[in-house]
C-alpha cells in the first residue's frame, strides 16, 4: 500500500513505521492515524514493529491545522468523531498487536503522540525527547487512551500532575518514574531501538503474543482469571515449534533459533 503521512519499511521479521510529516513535528492528522492502523493490518510475517518519527519530533499531537480539512475537528462533535473514527482505533491497533511494538521517541511526544508512544510494549526515548499532556492549557482533556495509560504506568498522583498541570516530562524523568523502558543519548537512540526490536523480532513469537495478552488481561481482571489465562497460554506455547527449539537449545547448551512458529 502507498502511504502519504508515514513511511513503512520491512526488513526480514521487523517492520519500521516512520511518522513522516517532519515540517509539522509529525503532527497527526486523521489520515496519519488511519495509515498507522492500516499498516498494522498489513504486517504479514512481521514479528516486531518499530515506530519512530522523522526529523526533530516524534509526534506533536493531533493536527489542529486540519480543522479546515473535512471539518474533522471544527464541526459539531468533530473531536469526538475524530477520536472514535481515527485516533482511538489506531491506539487500539497498536496495543492489541500480536507482535511486540517498540517506540523510539526522538523528540516531543505530545497529546495523541504521547499516547502512541506509551501504547508500545517498549518505549525508548532520546535525551532530547519529552512527554506532554497540554490539553489543560486549551480547556480540553487528555484523550487517545492517555488517562488509562498514564494512571496505570505511573500512578494516580503523577498522572494527575501531568494532566492537570500540563508539565513536560523529560526522558530521564520518564524513565525514573517507570513511564518508559529506557532513556538514551540522542545519537544512540535508533541503534538501541533497532537492537531491541531485532531481539524481539527473533524471539519466540507465540510466547510473546501470549504474554502481551495476559499482561493486558491482568490490568483489569482478577488473579483467578489471570492464572487460568496463563495456564491456557502455556498449553499453546508449549506445543509450539519455538518451545521445542528452546528446550533442545537448553539441553544442547546453545543459543535458541526461534522461527516464530
C-alpha atoms as a PDB file:
ATOM      1  CA  UNK A   1       0.000   0.000   0.000  1.00  0.00           C
ATOM      2  CA  UNK A   2       1.140   3.558  -0.710  1.00  0.00           C
ATOM      3  CA  UNK A   3       1.212   5.834   2.315  1.00  0.00           C
ATOM      4  CA  UNK A   4       1.396   9.630   2.390  1.00  0.00           C
ATOM      5  CA  UNK A   5       1.796  10.522   6.080  1.00  0.00           C
ATOM      6  CA  UNK A   6       4.003   7.615   7.157  1.00  0.00           C
ATOM      7  CA  UNK A   7       6.816   5.515   5.713  1.00  0.00           C
ATOM      8  CA  UNK A   8       6.744   1.733   6.135  1.00  0.00           C
ATOM      9  CA  UNK A   9       9.800  -0.468   5.640  1.00  0.00           C
ATOM     10  CA  UNK A  10      10.045  -4.210   6.243  1.00  0.00           C
ATOM     11  CA  UNK A  11      13.390  -5.897   6.724  1.00  0.00           C
ATOM     12  CA  UNK A  12      13.021  -9.601   7.435  1.00  0.00           C
ATOM     13  CA  UNK A  13      10.853 -10.075  10.541  1.00  0.00           C
ATOM     14  CA  UNK A  14      10.992  -6.374  11.518  1.00  0.00           C
ATOM     15  CA  UNK A  15       8.693  -3.636  10.195  1.00  0.00           C
ATOM     16  CA  UNK A  16       9.574   0.013  10.836  1.00  0.00           C
ATOM     17  CA  UNK A  17       6.888   2.699  10.722  1.00  0.00           C
ATOM     18  CA  UNK A  18       8.162   6.280  10.491  1.00  0.00           C
ATOM     19  CA  UNK A  19       5.810   9.202  11.060  1.00  0.00           C
ATOM     20  CA  UNK A  20       6.668  11.354   8.079  1.00  0.00           C
ATOM     21  CA  UNK A  21       5.495  14.941   8.480  1.00  0.00           C
ATOM     22  CA  UNK A  22       8.715  16.486   9.839  1.00  0.00           C
ATOM     23  CA  UNK A  23       7.732  20.020   8.804  1.00  0.00           C
ATOM     24  CA  UNK A  24       4.963  19.843  11.442  1.00  0.00           C
ATOM     25  CA  UNK A  25       6.850  17.776  14.036  1.00  0.00           C
ATOM     26  CA  UNK A  26       4.786  14.838  12.754  1.00  0.00           C
ATOM     27  CA  UNK A  27       1.502  16.308  13.952  1.00  0.00           C
ATOM     28  CA  UNK A  28      -1.093  13.577  13.500  1.00  0.00           C
ATOM     29  CA  UNK A  29      -3.933  14.365  11.147  1.00  0.00           C
ATOM     30  CA  UNK A  30      -6.719  11.747  10.963  1.00  0.00           C
ATOM     31  CA  UNK A  31      -5.111  10.431   7.775  1.00  0.00           C
ATOM     32  CA  UNK A  32      -1.898   9.576   9.627  1.00  0.00           C
ATOM     33  CA  UNK A  33      -3.843   7.712  12.311  1.00  0.00           C
ATOM     34  CA  UNK A  34      -5.674   5.750   9.621  1.00  0.00           C
ATOM     35  CA  UNK A  35      -2.421   4.902   7.841  1.00  0.00           C
ATOM     36  CA  UNK A  36      -0.796   3.646  11.039  1.00  0.00           C
ATOM     37  CA  UNK A  37      -3.830   1.457  11.677  1.00  0.00           C
ATOM     38  CA  UNK A  38      -3.709   0.170   8.107  1.00  0.00           C
ATOM     39  CA  UNK A  39      -0.012  -0.657   8.451  1.00  0.00           C
ATOM     40  CA  UNK A  40      -0.841  -2.832  11.466  1.00  0.00           C
ATOM     41  CA  UNK A  41      -3.488  -4.655   9.423  1.00  0.00           C
ATOM     42  CA  UNK A  42      -0.880  -5.373   6.761  1.00  0.00           C
ATOM     43  CA  UNK A  43       2.001  -6.811   8.832  1.00  0.00           C
ATOM     44  CA  UNK A  44       2.192 -10.151   7.041  1.00  0.00           C
ATOM     45  CA  UNK A  45       5.028 -12.233   8.531  1.00  0.00           C
ATOM     46  CA  UNK A  46       6.326  -9.343  10.661  1.00  0.00           C
ATOM     47  CA  UNK A  47       7.353 -10.408  14.165  1.00  0.00           C
ATOM     48  CA  UNK A  48       8.049  -6.965  15.667  1.00  0.00           C
ATOM     49  CA  UNK A  49       7.209  -3.343  14.853  1.00  0.00           C
ATOM     50  CA  UNK A  50       9.391  -0.287  15.465  1.00  0.00           C
ATOM     51  CA  UNK A  51       7.747   3.163  15.386  1.00  0.00           C
ATOM     52  CA  UNK A  52       9.666   6.440  15.260  1.00  0.00           C
ATOM     53  CA  UNK A  53       9.379   9.968  13.885  1.00  0.00           C
ATOM     54  CA  UNK A  54      11.164  11.698  11.028  1.00  0.00           C
ATOM     55  CA  UNK A  55      13.089  14.861  11.867  1.00  0.00           C
ATOM     56  CA  UNK A  56      13.229  16.580  15.257  1.00  0.00           C
ATOM     57  CA  UNK A  57       9.936  15.403  16.692  1.00  0.00           C
ATOM     58  CA  UNK A  58       8.192  12.137  17.419  1.00  0.00           C
ATOM     59  CA  UNK A  59       4.628  13.492  17.250  1.00  0.00           C
ATOM     60  CA  UNK A  60       3.422  16.906  18.424  1.00  0.00           C
ATOM     61  CA  UNK A  61      -0.163  15.708  18.865  1.00  0.00           C
ATOM     62  CA  UNK A  62      -3.312  15.867  16.788  1.00  0.00           C
ATOM     63  CA  UNK A  63      -3.006  18.194  13.813  1.00  0.00           C
ATOM     64  CA  UNK A  64      -5.144  21.139  14.838  1.00  0.00           C
ATOM     65  CA  UNK A  65      -4.408  22.774  11.485  1.00  0.00           C
ATOM     66  CA  UNK A  66      -6.536  20.058   9.919  1.00  0.00           C
ATOM     67  CA  UNK A  67      -9.624  21.724  11.344  1.00  0.00           C
ATOM     68  CA  UNK A  68     -10.198  23.026   7.857  1.00  0.00           C
ATOM     69  CA  UNK A  69      -9.809  19.562   6.321  1.00  0.00           C
ATOM     70  CA  UNK A  70     -13.252  17.983   6.075  1.00  0.00           C
ATOM     71  CA  UNK A  71     -14.066  19.754   9.378  1.00  0.00           C
ATOM     72  CA  UNK A  72     -12.622  16.802  11.287  1.00  0.00           C
ATOM     73  CA  UNK A  73     -12.349  18.922  14.423  1.00  0.00           C
ATOM     74  CA  UNK A  74     -14.329  22.067  13.717  1.00  0.00           C
ATOM     75  CA  UNK A  75     -17.744  20.568  13.123  1.00  0.00           C
ATOM     76  CA  UNK A  76     -20.183  19.894  15.921  1.00  0.00           C
ATOM     77  CA  UNK A  77     -18.931  16.781  17.671  1.00  0.00           C
ATOM     78  CA  UNK A  78     -15.885  16.787  15.376  1.00  0.00           C
ATOM     79  CA  UNK A  79     -13.341  15.967  18.063  1.00  0.00           C
ATOM     80  CA  UNK A  80     -15.493  13.091  19.291  1.00  0.00           C
ATOM     81  CA  UNK A  81     -15.867  11.753  15.753  1.00  0.00           C
ATOM     82  CA  UNK A  82     -12.134  12.070  15.069  1.00  0.00           C
ATOM     83  CA  UNK A  83     -11.330  10.139  18.238  1.00  0.00           C
ATOM     84  CA  UNK A  84     -13.897   7.422  17.632  1.00  0.00           C
ATOM     85  CA  UNK A  85     -13.202   7.014  13.913  1.00  0.00           C
ATOM     86  CA  UNK A  86      -9.465   7.629  13.643  1.00  0.00           C
ATOM     87  CA  UNK A  87      -7.331   8.052  16.771  1.00  0.00           C
ATOM     88  CA  UNK A  88      -8.855   5.515  19.152  1.00  0.00           C
ATOM     89  CA  UNK A  89      -8.871   2.676  16.575  1.00  0.00           C
ATOM     90  CA  UNK A  90      -5.199   3.419  15.836  1.00  0.00           C
ATOM     91  CA  UNK A  91      -4.202   3.272  19.523  1.00  0.00           C
ATOM     92  CA  UNK A  92      -6.203   0.072  19.909  1.00  0.00           C
ATOM     93  CA  UNK A  93      -4.407  -1.481  16.935  1.00  0.00           C
ATOM     94  CA  UNK A  94      -1.015  -0.725  18.486  1.00  0.00           C
ATOM     95  CA  UNK A  95      -1.937  -2.008  21.933  1.00  0.00           C
ATOM     96  CA  UNK A  96      -3.604  -5.190  20.650  1.00  0.00           C
ATOM     97  CA  UNK A  97      -0.998  -6.072  18.046  1.00  0.00           C
ATOM     98  CA  UNK A  98       0.009  -9.736  18.129  1.00  0.00           C
ATOM     99  CA  UNK A  99       3.680  -8.750  17.874  1.00  0.00           C
ATOM    100  CA  UNK A 100       5.831  -6.621  20.182  1.00  0.00           C
ATOM    101  CA  UNK A 101       5.825  -2.887  19.427  1.00  0.00           C
ATOM    102  CA  UNK A 102       8.787  -0.610  20.179  1.00  0.00           C
ATOM    103  CA  UNK A 103       8.588   3.185  20.027  1.00  0.00           C
ATOM    104  CA  UNK A 104      11.796   5.172  19.535  1.00  0.00           C
ATOM    105  CA  UNK A 105      10.844   8.663  20.720  1.00  0.00           C
ATOM    106  CA  UNK A 106      13.254  11.073  19.078  1.00  0.00           C
ATOM    107  CA  UNK A 107      11.674  14.352  20.184  1.00  0.00           C
ATOM    108  CA  UNK A 108       8.444  15.839  21.590  1.00  0.00           C
ATOM    109  CA  UNK A 109       5.631  13.347  22.179  1.00  0.00           C
ATOM    110  CA  UNK A 110       2.541  15.395  22.976  1.00  0.00           C
ATOM    111  CA  UNK A 111      -1.167  14.647  23.151  1.00  0.00           C
ATOM    112  CA  UNK A 112      -2.044  11.692  20.965  1.00  0.00           C
ATOM    113  CA  UNK A 113       1.673  11.428  20.146  1.00  0.00           C
ATOM    114  CA  UNK A 114       2.291  10.751  23.823  1.00  0.00           C
ATOM    115  CA  UNK A 115      -0.484   8.145  23.767  1.00  0.00           C
ATOM    116  CA  UNK A 116       1.060   6.443  20.747  1.00  0.00           C
ATOM    117  CA  UNK A 117       4.486   6.348  22.374  1.00  0.00           C
ATOM    118  CA  UNK A 118       3.118   4.856  25.597  1.00  0.00           C
ATOM    119  CA  UNK A 119       0.881   2.339  23.826  1.00  0.00           C
ATOM    120  CA  UNK A 120       4.007   0.440  22.767  1.00  0.00           C
ATOM    121  CA  UNK A 121       5.364  -2.504  24.716  1.00  0.00           C
ATOM    122  CA  UNK A 122       8.764  -0.832  24.933  1.00  0.00           C
ATOM    123  CA  UNK A 123       9.333   2.927  24.749  1.00  0.00           C
ATOM    124  CA  UNK A 124      12.878   4.208  24.327  1.00  0.00           C
ATOM    125  CA  UNK A 125      13.381   7.969  24.368  1.00  0.00           C
ATOM    126  CA  UNK A 126      16.314  10.178  23.451  1.00  0.00           C
ATOM    127  CA  UNK A 127      17.601  12.788  25.879  1.00  0.00           C
ATOM    128  CA  UNK A 128      16.020  15.383  23.562  1.00  0.00           C
ATOM    129  CA  UNK A 129      12.554  13.902  23.962  1.00  0.00           C
ATOM    130  CA  UNK A 130       9.791  14.823  26.340  1.00  0.00           C
ATOM    131  CA  UNK A 131       6.242  13.690  27.075  1.00  0.00           C
ATOM    132  CA  UNK A 132       3.445  16.227  27.383  1.00  0.00           C
ATOM    133  CA  UNK A 133      -0.287  16.354  28.058  1.00  0.00           C
ATOM    134  CA  UNK A 134      -1.041  20.045  27.498  1.00  0.00           C
ATOM    135  CA  UNK A 135      -4.806  19.788  26.982  1.00  0.00           C
ATOM    136  CA  UNK A 136      -5.472  21.730  30.189  1.00  0.00           C
ATOM    137  CA  UNK A 137      -3.902  24.809  28.583  1.00  0.00           C
ATOM    138  CA  UNK A 138      -6.654  24.946  25.953  1.00  0.00           C
ATOM    139  CA  UNK A 139      -9.537  23.799  28.151  1.00  0.00           C
ATOM    140  CA  UNK A 140      -9.635  20.223  26.907  1.00  0.00           C
ATOM    141  CA  UNK A 141      -8.918  16.836  28.464  1.00  0.00           C
ATOM    142  CA  UNK A 142      -6.343  14.123  27.645  1.00  0.00           C
ATOM    143  CA  UNK A 143      -7.588  11.541  25.169  1.00  0.00           C
ATOM    144  CA  UNK A 144      -6.352   8.745  22.920  1.00  0.00           C
ATOM    145  CA  UNK A 145      -6.234   6.391  25.893  1.00  0.00           C
ATOM    146  CA  UNK A 146      -3.730   8.557  27.778  1.00  0.00           C
ATOM    147  CA  UNK A 147      -5.755   8.648  31.006  1.00  0.00           C
ATOM    148  CA  UNK A 148      -5.696   4.837  31.192  1.00  0.00           C
ATOM    149  CA  UNK A 149      -2.071   4.565  30.081  1.00  0.00           C
ATOM    150  CA  UNK A 150      -0.709   7.211  32.447  1.00  0.00           C
ATOM    151  CA  UNK A 151      -2.671   6.174  35.529  1.00  0.00           C
ATOM    152  CA  UNK A 152      -1.526   2.569  35.202  1.00  0.00           C
ATOM    153  CA  UNK A 153       2.063   3.358  34.278  1.00  0.00           C
ATOM    154  CA  UNK A 154       2.904   5.982  36.902  1.00  0.00           C
ATOM    155  CA  UNK A 155       0.028   6.022  39.380  1.00  0.00           C
ATOM    156  CA  UNK A 156      -2.709   8.488  40.232  1.00  0.00           C
ATOM    157  CA  UNK A 157      -0.586  11.281  41.712  1.00  0.00           C
ATOM    158  CA  UNK A 158       1.890  11.548  38.839  1.00  0.00           C
ATOM    159  CA  UNK A 159      -0.790  11.075  36.178  1.00  0.00           C
ATOM    160  CA  UNK A 160      -2.770  13.900  37.796  1.00  0.00           C
ATOM    161  CA  UNK A 161       0.341  16.073  37.804  1.00  0.00           C
ATOM    162  CA  UNK A 162       0.977  15.501  34.107  1.00  0.00           C
ATOM    163  CA  UNK A 163      -2.621  16.066  33.080  1.00  0.00           C
ATOM    164  CA  UNK A 164      -3.777  18.895  35.351  1.00  0.00           C
ATOM    165  CA  UNK A 165      -0.536  20.906  35.372  1.00  0.00           C
ATOM    166  CA  UNK A 166       0.451  20.233  31.767  1.00  0.00           C
ATOM    167  CA  UNK A 167       4.125  19.715  32.663  1.00  0.00           C
ATOM    168  CA  UNK A 168       6.740  18.455  30.238  1.00  0.00           C
ATOM    169  CA  UNK A 169       8.324  15.223  31.463  1.00  0.00           C
ATOM    170  CA  UNK A 170      11.829  14.686  30.084  1.00  0.00           C
ATOM    171  CA  UNK A 171      13.179  11.291  29.078  1.00  0.00           C
ATOM    172  CA  UNK A 172      15.321  10.801  32.185  1.00  0.00           C
ATOM    173  CA  UNK A 173      12.421  11.656  34.485  1.00  0.00           C
ATOM    174  CA  UNK A 174      10.100   9.433  32.456  1.00  0.00           C
ATOM    175  CA  UNK A 175      12.480   6.513  32.957  1.00  0.00           C
ATOM    176  CA  UNK A 176      12.813   7.266  36.667  1.00  0.00           C
ATOM    177  CA  UNK A 177       9.017   7.254  37.006  1.00  0.00           C
ATOM    178  CA  UNK A 178       8.664   3.979  35.130  1.00  0.00           C
ATOM    179  CA  UNK A 179       6.764   5.711  32.330  1.00  0.00           C
ATOM    180  CA  UNK A 180       9.151   4.373  29.682  1.00  0.00           C
ATOM    181  CA  UNK A 181      11.574   1.492  29.268  1.00  0.00           C
ATOM    182  CA  UNK A 182      14.755   3.496  28.798  1.00  0.00           C
ATOM    183  CA  UNK A 183      16.260   6.959  28.175  1.00  0.00           C
ATOM    184  CA  UNK A 184      19.342   7.120  25.948  1.00  0.00           C
ATOM    185  CA  UNK A 185      21.584   9.660  24.244  1.00  0.00           C
ATOM    186  CA  UNK A 186      20.078  11.037  21.042  1.00  0.00           C
ATOM    187  CA  UNK A 187      22.883   9.725  18.845  1.00  0.00           C
ATOM    188  CA  UNK A 188      22.370   6.159  20.067  1.00  0.00           C
ATOM    189  CA  UNK A 189      18.554   6.087  20.053  1.00  0.00           C
ATOM    190  CA  UNK A 190      17.985   4.238  16.793  1.00  0.00           C
ATOM    191  CA  UNK A 191      20.840   1.784  17.366  1.00  0.00           C
ATOM    192  CA  UNK A 192      19.401   0.881  20.775  1.00  0.00           C
ATOM    193  CA  UNK A 193      15.851   0.694  19.449  1.00  0.00           C
ATOM    194  CA  UNK A 194      16.781  -1.483  16.453  1.00  0.00           C
ATOM    195  CA  UNK A 195      18.862  -3.796  18.633  1.00  0.00           C
ATOM    196  CA  UNK A 196      15.904  -4.331  20.958  1.00  0.00           C
ATOM    197  CA  UNK A 197      13.479  -4.665  18.040  1.00  0.00           C
ATOM    198  CA  UNK A 198      15.701  -7.235  16.318  1.00  0.00           C
ATOM    199  CA  UNK A 199      15.949  -9.242  19.539  1.00  0.00           C
ATOM    200  CA  UNK A 200      12.174  -9.306  19.917  1.00  0.00           C
ATOM    201  CA  UNK A 201      11.613  -9.997  16.212  1.00  0.00           C
ATOM    202  CA  UNK A 202      13.773 -13.084  16.518  1.00  0.00           C
ATOM    203  CA  UNK A 203      12.221 -14.262  19.776  1.00  0.00           C
ATOM    204  CA  UNK A 204       9.504 -16.880  20.430  1.00  0.00           C
ATOM    205  CA  UNK A 205       6.658 -15.028  18.727  1.00  0.00           C
ATOM    206  CA  UNK A 206       3.744 -17.096  20.045  1.00  0.00           C
ATOM    207  CA  UNK A 207       5.013 -16.872  23.618  1.00  0.00           C
ATOM    208  CA  UNK A 208       5.480 -13.091  23.328  1.00  0.00           C
ATOM    209  CA  UNK A 209       1.994 -12.703  21.834  1.00  0.00           C
ATOM    210  CA  UNK A 210       0.523 -14.659  24.738  1.00  0.00           C
ATOM    211  CA  UNK A 211       2.483 -12.606  27.280  1.00  0.00           C
ATOM    212  CA  UNK A 212       1.061  -9.425  25.766  1.00  0.00           C
ATOM    213  CA  UNK A 213      -2.492 -10.703  26.047  1.00  0.00           C
ATOM    214  CA  UNK A 214      -2.018 -11.856  29.626  1.00  0.00           C
ATOM    215  CA  UNK A 215      -0.458  -8.554  30.695  1.00  0.00           C
ATOM    216  CA  UNK A 216      -3.429  -6.688  29.192  1.00  0.00           C
ATOM    217  CA  UNK A 217      -5.810  -9.065  30.946  1.00  0.00           C
ATOM    218  CA  UNK A 218      -4.005  -8.623  34.259  1.00  0.00           C
ATOM    219  CA  UNK A 219      -4.593  -4.857  34.177  1.00  0.00           C
ATOM    220  CA  UNK A 220      -8.353  -5.265  34.573  1.00  0.00           C
ATOM    221  CA  UNK A 221      -9.005  -8.789  35.837  1.00  0.00           C
ATOM    222  CA  UNK A 222      -8.869 -10.927  38.956  1.00  0.00           C
ATOM    223  CA  UNK A 223      -5.941 -13.170  39.789  1.00  0.00           C
ATOM    224  CA  UNK A 224      -8.186 -16.185  39.179  1.00  0.00           C
ATOM    225  CA  UNK A 225      -8.859 -15.064  35.612  1.00  0.00           C
ATOM    226  CA  UNK A 226      -5.180 -14.395  35.005  1.00  0.00           C
ATOM    227  CA  UNK A 227      -3.914 -17.751  36.262  1.00  0.00           C
ATOM    228  CA  UNK A 228      -6.435 -19.532  34.039  1.00  0.00           C
ATOM    229  CA  UNK A 229      -5.244 -17.490  31.064  1.00  0.00           C
ATOM    230  CA  UNK A 230      -1.629 -18.284  31.933  1.00  0.00           C
ATOM    231  CA  UNK A 231      -2.348 -21.994  32.037  1.00  0.00           C
ATOM    232  CA  UNK A 232      -4.098 -21.900  28.654  1.00  0.00           C
ATOM    233  CA  UNK A 233      -1.328 -19.764  27.195  1.00  0.00           C
ATOM    234  CA  UNK A 234       1.301 -22.176  28.491  1.00  0.00           C
ATOM    235  CA  UNK A 235      -0.540 -25.045  26.831  1.00  0.00           C
ATOM    236  CA  UNK A 236      -0.457 -23.261  23.468  1.00  0.00           C
ATOM    237  CA  UNK A 237       3.120 -22.029  23.803  1.00  0.00           C
ATOM    238  CA  UNK A 238       4.310 -25.436  24.946  1.00  0.00           C
ATOM    239  CA  UNK A 239       3.031 -27.036  21.762  1.00  0.00           C
ATOM    240  CA  UNK A 240       4.869 -24.563  19.504  1.00  0.00           C
ATOM    241  CA  UNK A 241       7.971 -25.311  17.444  1.00  0.00           C
ATOM    242  CA  UNK A 242       9.721 -22.454  19.245  1.00  0.00           C
ATOM    243  CA  UNK A 243       9.212 -24.135  22.612  1.00  0.00           C
ATOM    244  CA  UNK A 244      10.660 -27.373  21.241  1.00  0.00           C
ATOM    245  CA  UNK A 245      13.632 -25.445  19.860  1.00  0.00           C
ATOM    246  CA  UNK A 246      14.090 -23.634  23.172  1.00  0.00           C
ATOM    247  CA  UNK A 247      14.133 -26.905  25.088  1.00  0.00           C
ATOM    248  CA  UNK A 248      16.626 -28.510  22.715  1.00  0.00           C
ATOM    249  CA  UNK A 249      18.862 -25.442  22.779  1.00  0.00           C
ATOM    250  CA  UNK A 250      18.871 -25.526  26.585  1.00  0.00           C
ATOM    251  CA  UNK A 251      19.825 -29.187  26.670  1.00  0.00           C
ATOM    252  CA  UNK A 252      22.498 -28.696  23.996  1.00  0.00           C
ATOM    253  CA  UNK A 253      23.820 -25.552  25.681  1.00  0.00           C
ATOM    254  CA  UNK A 254      23.442 -23.350  22.616  1.00  0.00           C
ATOM    255  CA  UNK A 255      21.524 -20.248  21.648  1.00  0.00           C
ATOM    256  CA  UNK A 256      17.964 -20.947  20.532  1.00  0.00           C
ATOM    257  CA  UNK A 257      16.993 -20.081  16.973  1.00  0.00           C
ATOM    258  CA  UNK A 258      13.322 -19.198  17.114  1.00  0.00           C
ATOM    259  CA  UNK A 259      11.298 -19.152  13.896  1.00  0.00           C
ATOM    260  CA  UNK A 260       8.112 -17.596  15.212  1.00  0.00           C
ATOM    261  CA  UNK A 261       6.103 -20.826  14.879  1.00  0.00           C
END
